[in-house]
N, C-alpha and C. Protein backbone atom coordinates (compact mmCIF):
# COMPACT_ATOMS: atom_id res chain seq x y z
N MET A 1 93.50 75.16 105.64
CA MET A 1 94.83 75.71 105.63
C MET A 1 95.50 75.56 107.00
N PHE A 2 94.82 75.94 108.08
CA PHE A 2 95.41 75.89 109.41
C PHE A 2 95.39 74.47 109.99
N ASN A 3 94.64 73.57 109.37
CA ASN A 3 94.58 72.19 109.87
C ASN A 3 95.84 71.41 109.56
N ASP A 4 96.63 71.84 108.59
CA ASP A 4 97.82 71.11 108.16
C ASP A 4 99.10 71.61 108.82
N ILE A 5 99.00 72.42 109.85
CA ILE A 5 100.18 73.01 110.47
C ILE A 5 100.87 71.99 111.37
N LYS A 6 102.13 71.74 111.06
CA LYS A 6 102.92 70.81 111.85
C LYS A 6 104.21 71.44 112.38
N THR A 7 104.66 72.51 111.73
CA THR A 7 105.92 73.15 112.10
C THR A 7 105.73 74.66 112.18
N PRO A 8 106.67 75.38 112.80
CA PRO A 8 106.60 76.84 112.77
C PRO A 8 106.61 77.40 111.35
N ALA A 9 107.34 76.76 110.44
CA ALA A 9 107.35 77.23 109.05
C ALA A 9 105.97 77.07 108.41
N ASP A 10 105.27 75.98 108.75
CA ASP A 10 103.90 75.79 108.26
C ASP A 10 102.98 76.90 108.78
N PHE A 11 103.16 77.24 110.05
CA PHE A 11 102.36 78.30 110.66
C PHE A 11 102.60 79.63 109.94
N ASP A 12 103.88 79.98 109.73
CA ASP A 12 104.20 81.22 109.02
C ASP A 12 103.64 81.21 107.60
N ALA A 13 103.74 80.08 106.93
CA ALA A 13 103.20 79.98 105.57
C ALA A 13 101.69 80.21 105.56
N ALA A 14 101.02 79.68 106.56
CA ALA A 14 99.56 79.87 106.66
C ALA A 14 99.22 81.33 106.94
N LEU A 15 99.98 81.97 107.83
CA LEU A 15 99.73 83.39 108.12
C LEU A 15 100.02 84.25 106.89
N PHE A 16 101.09 83.92 106.19
CA PHE A 16 101.43 84.66 104.97
C PHE A 16 100.29 84.54 103.95
N ALA A 17 99.81 83.32 103.75
CA ALA A 17 98.75 83.08 102.77
C ALA A 17 97.44 83.75 103.17
N SER A 18 97.07 83.65 104.44
CA SER A 18 95.80 84.25 104.85
C SER A 18 95.88 85.78 104.77
N THR A 19 97.03 86.34 105.10
CA THR A 19 97.20 87.79 104.97
C THR A 19 97.21 88.20 103.51
N GLN A 20 97.84 87.40 102.67
CA GLN A 20 97.85 87.68 101.23
C GLN A 20 96.42 87.69 100.68
N ASP A 21 95.61 86.73 101.09
CA ASP A 21 94.21 86.69 100.67
C ASP A 21 93.46 87.94 101.14
N ALA A 22 93.69 88.33 102.39
CA ALA A 22 93.02 89.51 102.93
C ALA A 22 93.44 90.78 102.19
N LEU A 23 94.73 90.89 101.88
CA LEU A 23 95.22 92.05 101.14
C LEU A 23 94.62 92.09 99.73
N ARG A 24 94.56 90.93 99.10
CA ARG A 24 93.98 90.85 97.76
C ARG A 24 92.50 91.28 97.79
N GLU A 25 91.76 90.78 98.77
CA GLU A 25 90.34 91.15 98.88
C GLU A 25 90.17 92.64 99.15
N ALA A 26 91.10 93.23 99.89
CA ALA A 26 91.04 94.66 100.18
C ALA A 26 91.62 95.49 99.04
N ASN A 27 92.19 94.80 98.04
CA ASN A 27 92.80 95.47 96.89
C ASN A 27 93.88 96.47 97.31
N VAL A 28 94.79 96.00 98.14
CA VAL A 28 95.87 96.84 98.66
C VAL A 28 97.08 95.97 98.93
N ASN A 29 98.28 96.56 98.91
CA ASN A 29 99.44 95.79 99.34
C ASN A 29 99.89 96.30 100.71
N ALA A 30 100.76 95.56 101.35
CA ALA A 30 101.16 95.88 102.72
C ALA A 30 101.84 97.24 102.82
N THR A 31 102.64 97.59 101.85
CA THR A 31 103.34 98.87 101.87
C THR A 31 102.34 100.02 101.78
N GLN A 32 101.32 99.88 100.97
CA GLN A 32 100.30 100.92 100.87
C GLN A 32 99.59 101.13 102.21
N LEU A 33 99.38 100.05 102.94
CA LEU A 33 98.74 100.16 104.25
C LEU A 33 99.57 101.01 105.21
N LEU A 34 100.88 100.84 105.16
CA LEU A 34 101.75 101.64 106.03
C LEU A 34 101.65 103.12 105.67
N GLU A 35 101.61 103.40 104.39
CA GLU A 35 101.51 104.79 103.94
C GLU A 35 100.18 105.43 104.33
N ARG A 36 99.13 104.63 104.34
CA ARG A 36 97.79 105.16 104.68
C ARG A 36 97.71 105.65 106.12
N ASP A 37 98.36 104.94 107.02
CA ASP A 37 98.26 105.28 108.45
C ASP A 37 99.65 105.16 109.08
N PRO A 38 100.47 106.21 108.94
CA PRO A 38 101.87 106.12 109.33
C PRO A 38 102.14 105.93 110.82
N ASP A 39 101.14 106.11 111.67
CA ASP A 39 101.37 105.95 113.10
C ASP A 39 100.67 104.73 113.70
N ALA A 40 99.95 103.98 112.89
CA ALA A 40 99.20 102.83 113.40
C ALA A 40 100.12 101.64 113.63
N SER A 41 99.79 100.88 114.65
CA SER A 41 100.52 99.63 114.88
C SER A 41 100.08 98.62 113.82
N LEU A 42 100.90 97.61 113.64
CA LEU A 42 100.52 96.56 112.69
C LEU A 42 99.28 95.81 113.16
N ASN A 43 99.11 95.69 114.46
CA ASN A 43 97.89 95.06 114.98
C ASN A 43 96.66 95.87 114.58
N GLU A 44 96.75 97.20 114.68
CA GLU A 44 95.62 98.05 114.29
C GLU A 44 95.33 97.93 112.80
N ILE A 45 96.39 97.91 111.99
CA ILE A 45 96.20 97.79 110.55
C ILE A 45 95.57 96.44 110.21
N ALA A 46 96.06 95.38 110.84
CA ALA A 46 95.49 94.05 110.58
C ALA A 46 94.02 94.00 110.95
N ARG A 47 93.65 94.62 112.07
CA ARG A 47 92.24 94.65 112.48
C ARG A 47 91.40 95.41 111.46
N GLN A 48 91.95 96.51 110.91
CA GLN A 48 91.21 97.28 109.91
C GLN A 48 90.94 96.45 108.66
N ILE A 49 91.91 95.66 108.24
CA ILE A 49 91.74 94.82 107.06
C ILE A 49 90.83 93.64 107.38
N GLY A 50 91.00 93.10 108.58
CA GLY A 50 90.16 91.97 108.99
C GLY A 50 90.40 90.75 108.14
N ASN A 51 89.40 89.89 108.06
CA ASN A 51 89.42 88.74 107.17
C ASN A 51 90.73 87.96 107.23
N ARG A 52 91.13 87.57 108.41
CA ARG A 52 92.30 86.73 108.64
C ARG A 52 93.64 87.41 108.35
N CYS A 53 93.67 88.72 108.31
CA CYS A 53 94.92 89.46 108.17
C CYS A 53 95.57 89.51 109.56
N THR A 54 96.87 89.23 109.62
CA THR A 54 97.57 89.25 110.90
C THR A 54 98.76 90.20 110.83
N ALA A 55 99.15 90.70 112.00
CA ALA A 55 100.32 91.57 112.06
C ALA A 55 101.57 90.84 111.59
N ARG A 56 101.75 89.61 112.00
CA ARG A 56 102.92 88.83 111.58
C ARG A 56 102.90 88.61 110.06
N GLY A 57 101.73 88.32 109.53
CA GLY A 57 101.61 88.18 108.08
C GLY A 57 101.95 89.48 107.36
N LEU A 58 101.52 90.61 107.93
CA LEU A 58 101.86 91.90 107.33
C LEU A 58 103.37 92.12 107.33
N VAL A 59 104.04 91.79 108.44
CA VAL A 59 105.49 91.95 108.50
C VAL A 59 106.15 91.15 107.39
N MET A 60 105.71 89.92 107.20
CA MET A 60 106.29 89.09 106.14
C MET A 60 106.10 89.75 104.77
N HIS A 61 104.91 90.27 104.52
CA HIS A 61 104.64 90.92 103.24
C HIS A 61 105.42 92.22 103.09
N ILE A 62 105.51 92.99 104.15
CA ILE A 62 106.25 94.26 104.10
C ILE A 62 107.71 94.00 103.75
N TYR A 63 108.33 93.05 104.45
CA TYR A 63 109.73 92.77 104.18
C TYR A 63 109.93 92.14 102.79
N ARG A 64 109.01 91.31 102.36
CA ARG A 64 109.11 90.73 101.01
C ARG A 64 109.06 91.84 99.97
N ASP A 65 108.09 92.76 100.12
CA ASP A 65 107.97 93.88 99.19
C ASP A 65 109.19 94.78 99.25
N ALA A 66 109.69 95.02 100.45
CA ALA A 66 110.85 95.90 100.62
C ALA A 66 112.09 95.30 99.96
N LEU A 67 112.29 94.01 100.11
CA LEU A 67 113.42 93.37 99.44
C LEU A 67 113.28 93.46 97.92
N ALA A 68 112.08 93.25 97.43
CA ALA A 68 111.84 93.29 95.99
C ALA A 68 112.02 94.69 95.41
N ASN A 69 111.76 95.71 96.23
CA ASN A 69 111.81 97.10 95.76
C ASN A 69 113.03 97.87 96.26
N ASP A 70 113.98 97.16 96.83
CA ASP A 70 115.23 97.75 97.32
C ASP A 70 115.00 98.91 98.30
N CYS A 71 114.06 98.69 99.22
CA CYS A 71 113.80 99.71 100.24
C CYS A 71 113.71 99.07 101.63
N LEU A 72 114.55 98.06 101.84
CA LEU A 72 114.51 97.33 103.11
C LEU A 72 114.84 98.21 104.30
N ARG A 73 115.85 99.05 104.18
CA ARG A 73 116.23 99.92 105.28
C ARG A 73 115.06 100.83 105.68
N ASP A 74 114.38 101.41 104.70
CA ASP A 74 113.23 102.28 104.99
C ASP A 74 112.11 101.51 105.68
N ALA A 75 111.87 100.28 105.24
CA ALA A 75 110.83 99.46 105.88
C ALA A 75 111.22 99.13 107.32
N ALA A 76 112.49 98.83 107.55
CA ALA A 76 112.95 98.53 108.91
C ALA A 76 112.79 99.75 109.82
N ILE A 77 113.09 100.93 109.30
CA ILE A 77 112.91 102.17 110.07
C ILE A 77 111.43 102.33 110.42
N ASP A 78 110.57 102.18 109.44
CA ASP A 78 109.13 102.33 109.66
C ASP A 78 108.63 101.35 110.71
N LEU A 79 109.05 100.10 110.60
CA LEU A 79 108.55 99.09 111.54
C LEU A 79 109.13 99.29 112.94
N LEU A 80 110.37 99.78 113.05
CA LEU A 80 110.91 100.09 114.37
C LEU A 80 110.15 101.26 114.99
N TYR A 81 109.89 102.27 114.21
CA TYR A 81 109.11 103.42 114.69
C TYR A 81 107.75 102.97 115.24
N ARG A 82 107.05 102.14 114.50
CA ARG A 82 105.74 101.65 114.95
C ARG A 82 105.87 100.80 116.22
N LYS A 83 106.94 100.01 116.29
CA LYS A 83 107.15 99.16 117.47
C LYS A 83 107.39 100.03 118.70
N ILE A 84 108.16 101.09 118.55
CA ILE A 84 108.42 102.00 119.67
C ILE A 84 107.11 102.63 120.14
N LEU A 85 106.30 103.11 119.21
CA LEU A 85 105.01 103.70 119.59
C LEU A 85 104.13 102.70 120.31
N GLN A 86 104.14 101.46 119.85
CA GLN A 86 103.31 100.43 120.46
C GLN A 86 103.80 100.07 121.85
N GLU A 87 105.09 99.90 122.02
CA GLU A 87 105.64 99.40 123.28
C GLU A 87 105.91 100.49 124.31
N PHE A 88 106.04 101.72 123.88
CA PHE A 88 106.35 102.83 124.79
C PHE A 88 105.35 103.97 124.59
N PRO A 89 104.06 103.72 124.80
CA PRO A 89 103.05 104.74 124.50
C PRO A 89 103.20 106.01 125.34
N SER A 90 103.83 105.92 126.48
CA SER A 90 104.04 107.10 127.33
C SER A 90 105.47 107.62 127.23
N GLY A 91 106.24 107.08 126.32
CA GLY A 91 107.62 107.51 126.14
C GLY A 91 108.61 106.44 126.58
N TRP A 92 109.82 106.57 126.10
CA TRP A 92 110.89 105.61 126.36
C TRP A 92 111.18 105.53 127.85
N THR A 93 111.28 104.31 128.34
CA THR A 93 111.62 104.09 129.74
C THR A 93 112.36 102.78 129.90
N THR A 94 113.21 102.76 130.91
CA THR A 94 113.88 101.52 131.28
C THR A 94 113.32 101.00 132.59
N GLU A 95 112.31 101.65 133.09
CA GLU A 95 111.67 101.25 134.34
C GLU A 95 110.76 100.05 134.07
N GLY A 96 110.46 99.33 135.12
CA GLY A 96 109.55 98.20 135.00
C GLY A 96 110.30 96.89 134.85
N THR A 97 109.54 95.82 134.81
CA THR A 97 110.15 94.50 134.78
C THR A 97 110.51 94.03 133.37
N ILE A 98 109.93 94.67 132.35
CA ILE A 98 110.22 94.28 130.97
C ILE A 98 111.21 95.29 130.39
N ARG A 99 112.38 94.82 130.05
CA ARG A 99 113.45 95.67 129.54
C ARG A 99 113.15 96.13 128.11
N PRO A 100 113.72 97.26 127.70
CA PRO A 100 113.51 97.75 126.34
C PRO A 100 113.92 96.74 125.27
N THR A 101 114.97 95.97 125.51
CA THR A 101 115.40 95.00 124.50
C THR A 101 114.32 93.94 124.26
N VAL A 102 113.59 93.59 125.28
CA VAL A 102 112.50 92.63 125.12
C VAL A 102 111.34 93.28 124.38
N LYS A 103 111.05 94.53 124.73
CA LYS A 103 109.93 95.23 124.10
C LYS A 103 110.12 95.42 122.61
N ILE A 104 111.34 95.65 122.18
CA ILE A 104 111.58 95.83 120.75
C ILE A 104 112.17 94.58 120.10
N GLY A 105 112.25 93.51 120.87
CA GLY A 105 112.85 92.27 120.39
C GLY A 105 112.18 91.68 119.17
N SER A 106 110.86 91.81 119.05
CA SER A 106 110.20 91.23 117.88
C SER A 106 110.59 91.97 116.61
N TRP A 107 110.90 93.27 116.71
CA TRP A 107 111.38 94.00 115.54
C TRP A 107 112.67 93.34 115.05
N TYR A 108 113.58 93.08 115.97
CA TYR A 108 114.85 92.42 115.65
C TYR A 108 114.61 91.05 115.03
N SER A 109 113.81 90.23 115.70
CA SER A 109 113.62 88.86 115.21
C SER A 109 112.89 88.83 113.88
N HIS A 110 111.93 89.71 113.67
CA HIS A 110 111.23 89.74 112.38
C HIS A 110 112.18 90.16 111.26
N LEU A 111 113.03 91.14 111.51
CA LEU A 111 113.95 91.59 110.48
C LEU A 111 114.89 90.47 110.06
N ILE A 112 115.48 89.78 111.01
CA ILE A 112 116.43 88.74 110.62
C ILE A 112 115.73 87.49 110.06
N GLN A 113 114.50 87.27 110.46
CA GLN A 113 113.78 86.09 109.96
C GLN A 113 113.17 86.33 108.57
N PHE A 114 112.58 87.50 108.36
CA PHE A 114 111.82 87.72 107.15
C PHE A 114 112.53 88.56 106.09
N ALA A 115 113.70 89.09 106.41
CA ALA A 115 114.49 89.85 105.45
C ALA A 115 115.94 89.40 105.51
N PRO A 116 116.17 88.12 105.31
CA PRO A 116 117.52 87.61 105.45
C PRO A 116 118.46 88.10 104.35
N PHE A 117 119.56 88.65 104.76
CA PHE A 117 120.65 88.98 103.86
C PHE A 117 121.92 89.00 104.71
N ALA A 118 123.05 88.91 104.08
CA ALA A 118 124.31 88.86 104.81
C ALA A 118 124.48 90.12 105.66
N GLY A 119 124.67 89.93 106.93
CA GLY A 119 124.90 91.05 107.84
C GLY A 119 123.67 91.59 108.55
N VAL A 120 122.47 91.14 108.18
CA VAL A 120 121.26 91.69 108.79
C VAL A 120 121.23 91.46 110.29
N SER A 121 121.66 90.31 110.74
CA SER A 121 121.63 90.02 112.17
C SER A 121 122.52 90.99 112.95
N GLU A 122 123.71 91.24 112.42
CA GLU A 122 124.65 92.16 113.07
C GLU A 122 124.11 93.59 113.08
N ILE A 123 123.49 94.00 111.99
CA ILE A 123 122.91 95.35 111.91
C ILE A 123 121.79 95.50 112.93
N ALA A 124 120.86 94.56 112.93
CA ALA A 124 119.72 94.63 113.86
C ALA A 124 120.19 94.58 115.30
N GLU A 125 121.16 93.72 115.59
CA GLU A 125 121.69 93.63 116.95
C GLU A 125 122.36 94.94 117.37
N ALA A 126 123.10 95.56 116.48
CA ALA A 126 123.76 96.83 116.80
C ALA A 126 122.74 97.93 117.08
N ILE A 127 121.65 97.95 116.33
CA ILE A 127 120.60 98.96 116.55
C ILE A 127 119.97 98.76 117.92
N VAL A 128 119.61 97.52 118.24
CA VAL A 128 118.99 97.24 119.54
C VAL A 128 119.98 97.53 120.67
N ARG A 129 121.23 97.15 120.49
CA ARG A 129 122.25 97.40 121.53
C ARG A 129 122.41 98.91 121.77
N ASP A 130 122.47 99.68 120.69
CA ASP A 130 122.57 101.14 120.84
C ASP A 130 121.38 101.69 121.61
N MET A 131 120.19 101.26 121.24
CA MET A 131 118.99 101.78 121.90
C MET A 131 118.94 101.41 123.38
N ALA A 132 119.40 100.22 123.69
CA ALA A 132 119.28 99.72 125.07
C ALA A 132 120.46 100.10 125.95
N PHE A 133 121.66 100.17 125.37
CA PHE A 133 122.84 100.34 126.22
C PHE A 133 123.78 101.47 125.80
N SER A 134 124.23 101.46 124.56
CA SER A 134 125.29 102.38 124.14
C SER A 134 124.84 103.82 123.99
N ASP A 135 123.67 104.03 123.42
CA ASP A 135 123.18 105.38 123.16
C ASP A 135 121.65 105.40 123.26
N PRO A 136 121.14 105.12 124.45
CA PRO A 136 119.67 105.07 124.57
C PRO A 136 119.04 106.45 124.38
N PRO A 137 117.81 106.46 123.94
CA PRO A 137 117.11 107.74 123.84
C PRO A 137 116.86 108.30 125.24
N PRO A 138 116.59 109.59 125.32
CA PRO A 138 116.32 110.17 126.64
C PRO A 138 115.03 109.63 127.24
N PRO A 139 114.92 109.66 128.56
CA PRO A 139 113.67 109.21 129.20
C PRO A 139 112.47 109.98 128.63
N ASP A 140 111.38 109.26 128.48
CA ASP A 140 110.10 109.80 127.99
C ASP A 140 110.10 110.17 126.51
N TRP A 141 111.18 109.88 125.80
CA TRP A 141 111.26 110.18 124.36
C TRP A 141 110.25 109.36 123.58
N LEU A 142 109.60 110.02 122.65
CA LEU A 142 108.75 109.36 121.65
C LEU A 142 109.08 109.99 120.30
N PRO A 143 109.34 109.17 119.31
CA PRO A 143 109.62 109.76 118.00
C PRO A 143 108.36 110.38 117.41
N ALA A 144 108.53 111.51 116.75
CA ALA A 144 107.39 112.18 116.13
C ALA A 144 106.97 111.47 114.85
N ASN A 145 107.94 110.86 114.18
CA ASN A 145 107.68 110.13 112.93
C ASN A 145 108.93 109.33 112.58
N CYS A 146 108.91 108.70 111.43
CA CYS A 146 110.05 107.87 111.01
C CYS A 146 111.31 108.69 110.78
N ASN A 147 111.14 109.97 110.55
CA ASN A 147 112.29 110.84 110.30
C ASN A 147 112.84 111.47 111.56
N ASP A 148 112.44 110.96 112.70
CA ASP A 148 112.94 111.45 113.98
C ASP A 148 114.46 111.45 113.97
N THR A 149 115.05 112.49 114.51
CA THR A 149 116.50 112.66 114.51
C THR A 149 117.22 111.48 115.17
N TYR A 150 116.72 111.02 116.30
CA TYR A 150 117.37 109.91 116.99
C TYR A 150 117.35 108.64 116.12
N ILE A 151 116.21 108.31 115.56
CA ILE A 151 116.11 107.12 114.73
C ILE A 151 117.02 107.24 113.51
N GLN A 152 117.03 108.39 112.89
CA GLN A 152 117.88 108.57 111.71
C GLN A 152 119.36 108.43 112.06
N LYS A 153 119.78 109.00 113.19
CA LYS A 153 121.19 108.86 113.61
C LYS A 153 121.51 107.41 113.94
N LEU A 154 120.59 106.74 114.60
CA LEU A 154 120.76 105.33 114.95
C LEU A 154 120.99 104.48 113.70
N PHE A 155 120.18 104.70 112.70
CA PHE A 155 120.33 103.94 111.46
C PHE A 155 121.56 104.38 110.67
N GLN A 156 121.85 105.66 110.64
CA GLN A 156 123.03 106.10 109.90
C GLN A 156 124.30 105.51 110.49
N ARG A 157 124.33 105.38 111.80
CA ARG A 157 125.50 104.80 112.47
C ARG A 157 125.60 103.29 112.23
N ASN A 158 124.49 102.59 112.21
CA ASN A 158 124.51 101.13 112.15
C ASN A 158 124.11 100.54 110.80
N TRP A 159 123.40 101.31 109.99
CA TRP A 159 122.95 100.83 108.69
C TRP A 159 122.90 102.04 107.75
N PRO A 160 124.08 102.50 107.33
CA PRO A 160 124.12 103.69 106.45
C PRO A 160 123.26 103.49 105.21
N ALA A 161 122.67 104.57 104.74
CA ALA A 161 121.75 104.51 103.60
C ALA A 161 122.42 103.95 102.35
N ASP A 162 123.71 104.11 102.22
CA ASP A 162 124.40 103.62 101.02
C ASP A 162 124.89 102.18 101.17
N GLN A 163 124.62 101.55 102.30
CA GLN A 163 125.04 100.16 102.51
C GLN A 163 124.14 99.22 101.71
N LYS A 164 124.73 98.38 100.91
CA LYS A 164 124.00 97.45 100.05
C LYS A 164 123.40 96.34 100.89
N THR A 165 122.15 95.99 100.59
CA THR A 165 121.49 94.86 101.25
C THR A 165 120.99 93.90 100.19
N GLY A 166 120.77 92.69 100.62
CA GLY A 166 120.20 91.70 99.71
C GLY A 166 121.21 91.01 98.85
């Protein structure tokens, strides 16, 4: 499978397939994995599944399932929450050489790449812009869960729950 990779799309297809095989062997879907461990990073979840399961492959499966089940916004909230926990383990900061936009940049790029719909790029960009510049969280902030007040306000402002996707 990995011997035939010639393009980035081939690479993603291989990761998707290997993660799909791992999920099938574990008799679980990607969304169920998120529910099992709501604070774990995707890297941690992939390691738990093992057998060629990757975080990137999980993201692809999560967004595919979310699009199919009309819960894309909820999945995006969950994945942003996990990304914040992963990148800011001691709390939100703008200190250091790596800016917050870079730290959460993969959340943005995964959303627009793996959950394409009209307007997704603008929504994701607005969320990242708010977090980094317009309305950043307070220093040392860490969300308690996906229902954190700041995250919910951020999404309500930029991606209202009644906004149609897909």
